[in-house]
Amino acid sequence: MLFVFNPLGLACWWSFSGSELILVDSNSNKNNFIVPIKF
């Protein structure tokens, strides 16, 4: 799993095994959401 910060101020967790991108709002971790990505 990779942890990065994007220009939008969101903390991004990328799960390579699950092929999903998890965006976490750095201002409020109650607004977490998962974006499934398929290749």
N, C-alpha and C. Protein backbone atom coordinates (compact mmCIF):
# COMPACT_ATOMS: atom_id res chain seq x y z
N MET A 1 0.86 -1.20 0.00
CA MET A 1 0.00 0.00 0.00
C MET A 1 0.89 1.24 0.00
N LEU A 2 0.51 2.20 -0.81
CA LEU A 2 1.30 3.42 -0.95
C LEU A 2 0.53 4.62 -0.39
N PHE A 3 1.25 5.45 0.35
CA PHE A 3 0.62 6.64 0.94
C PHE A 3 1.20 7.89 0.31
N VAL A 4 0.35 8.72 -0.30
CA VAL A 4 0.81 9.94 -0.95
C VAL A 4 -0.15 11.09 -0.65
N PHE A 5 0.33 12.30 -0.87
CA PHE A 5 -0.53 13.48 -0.77
C PHE A 5 -0.68 14.10 -2.15
N ASN A 6 -1.90 14.38 -2.54
CA ASN A 6 -2.12 14.99 -3.85
C ASN A 6 -2.37 16.50 -3.69
N PRO A 7 -2.33 17.27 -4.77
CA PRO A 7 -2.49 18.73 -4.73
C PRO A 7 -3.84 19.17 -4.16
N LEU A 8 -4.82 18.26 -4.09
CA LEU A 8 -6.14 18.63 -3.60
C LEU A 8 -6.22 18.59 -2.07
N GLY A 9 -5.10 18.23 -1.44
CA GLY A 9 -5.07 18.19 0.01
C GLY A 9 -5.68 16.92 0.58
N LEU A 10 -5.76 15.89 -0.24
CA LEU A 10 -6.31 14.63 0.22
C LEU A 10 -5.20 13.60 0.39
N ALA A 11 -5.34 12.80 1.41
CA ALA A 11 -4.37 11.71 1.60
C ALA A 11 -4.86 10.50 0.81
N CYS A 12 -4.01 9.99 -0.03
CA CYS A 12 -4.42 8.90 -0.91
C CYS A 12 -3.74 7.59 -0.54
N TRP A 13 -4.55 6.60 -0.27
CA TRP A 13 -4.03 5.26 -0.02
C TRP A 13 -4.30 4.40 -1.24
N TRP A 14 -3.25 3.87 -1.85
CA TRP A 14 -3.41 3.06 -3.04
C TRP A 14 -3.11 1.61 -2.71
N SER A 15 -4.11 0.75 -2.86
CA SER A 15 -3.95 -0.67 -2.59
C SER A 15 -3.73 -1.41 -3.89
N PHE A 16 -2.50 -1.87 -4.12
CA PHE A 16 -2.17 -2.53 -5.38
C PHE A 16 -2.85 -3.90 -5.48
N SER A 17 -2.94 -4.59 -4.37
CA SER A 17 -3.53 -5.92 -4.38
C SER A 17 -5.05 -5.86 -4.59
N GLY A 18 -5.67 -4.82 -4.02
CA GLY A 18 -7.12 -4.69 -4.13
C GLY A 18 -7.54 -3.85 -5.32
N SER A 19 -6.57 -3.21 -5.99
CA SER A 19 -6.84 -2.34 -7.13
C SER A 19 -7.89 -1.29 -6.79
N GLU A 20 -7.68 -0.59 -5.69
CA GLU A 20 -8.62 0.45 -5.31
C GLU A 20 -7.86 1.66 -4.76
N LEU A 21 -8.42 2.83 -5.02
CA LEU A 21 -7.81 4.07 -4.54
C LEU A 21 -8.67 4.63 -3.42
N ILE A 22 -8.08 4.80 -2.25
CA ILE A 22 -8.82 5.32 -1.10
C ILE A 22 -8.42 6.77 -0.85
N LEU A 23 -9.37 7.68 -1.00
CA LEU A 23 -9.11 9.09 -0.78
C LEU A 23 -9.59 9.49 0.60
N VAL A 24 -8.70 10.11 1.37
CA VAL A 24 -9.04 10.51 2.74
C VAL A 24 -8.91 12.02 2.88
N ASP A 25 -9.99 12.66 3.28
CA ASP A 25 -9.97 14.10 3.48
C ASP A 25 -9.12 14.43 4.70
N SER A 26 -8.05 15.17 4.51
CA SER A 26 -7.12 15.48 5.60
C SER A 26 -7.75 16.40 6.64
N ASN A 27 -8.82 17.09 6.26
CA ASN A 27 -9.48 18.02 7.18
C ASN A 27 -10.53 17.32 8.04
N SER A 28 -11.07 16.22 7.54
CA SER A 28 -12.09 15.49 8.29
C SER A 28 -12.09 14.04 7.84
N ASN A 29 -11.53 13.16 8.68
CA ASN A 29 -11.44 11.77 8.29
C ASN A 29 -12.77 11.03 8.40
N LYS A 30 -13.86 11.79 8.52
CA LYS A 30 -15.20 11.18 8.48
C LYS A 30 -15.70 11.14 7.04
N ASN A 31 -14.98 11.83 6.14
CA ASN A 31 -15.41 11.90 4.75
C ASN A 31 -14.60 10.97 3.86
N ASN A 32 -14.15 9.84 4.43
CA ASN A 32 -13.36 8.88 3.66
C ASN A 32 -14.24 8.19 2.63
N PHE A 33 -13.69 7.96 1.45
CA PHE A 33 -14.42 7.21 0.43
C PHE A 33 -13.44 6.43 -0.43
N ILE A 34 -13.94 5.34 -1.00
CA ILE A 34 -13.10 4.46 -1.80
C ILE A 34 -13.52 4.51 -3.26
N VAL A 35 -12.54 4.66 -4.14
CA VAL A 35 -12.80 4.69 -5.58
C VAL A 35 -12.20 3.43 -6.22
N PRO A 36 -13.04 2.47 -6.58
CA PRO A 36 -12.55 1.25 -7.22
C PRO A 36 -11.98 1.55 -8.61
N ILE A 37 -10.81 0.99 -8.89
CA ILE A 37 -10.18 1.21 -10.20
C ILE A 37 -9.91 -0.13 -10.87
N LYS A 38 -10.37 -0.26 -12.12
CA LYS A 38 -10.17 -1.50 -12.87
C LYS A 38 -9.24 -1.24 -14.04
N PHE A 39 -8.36 -2.20 -14.32
CA PHE A 39 -7.44 -2.06 -15.45
C PHE A 39 -7.74 -3.12 -16.51
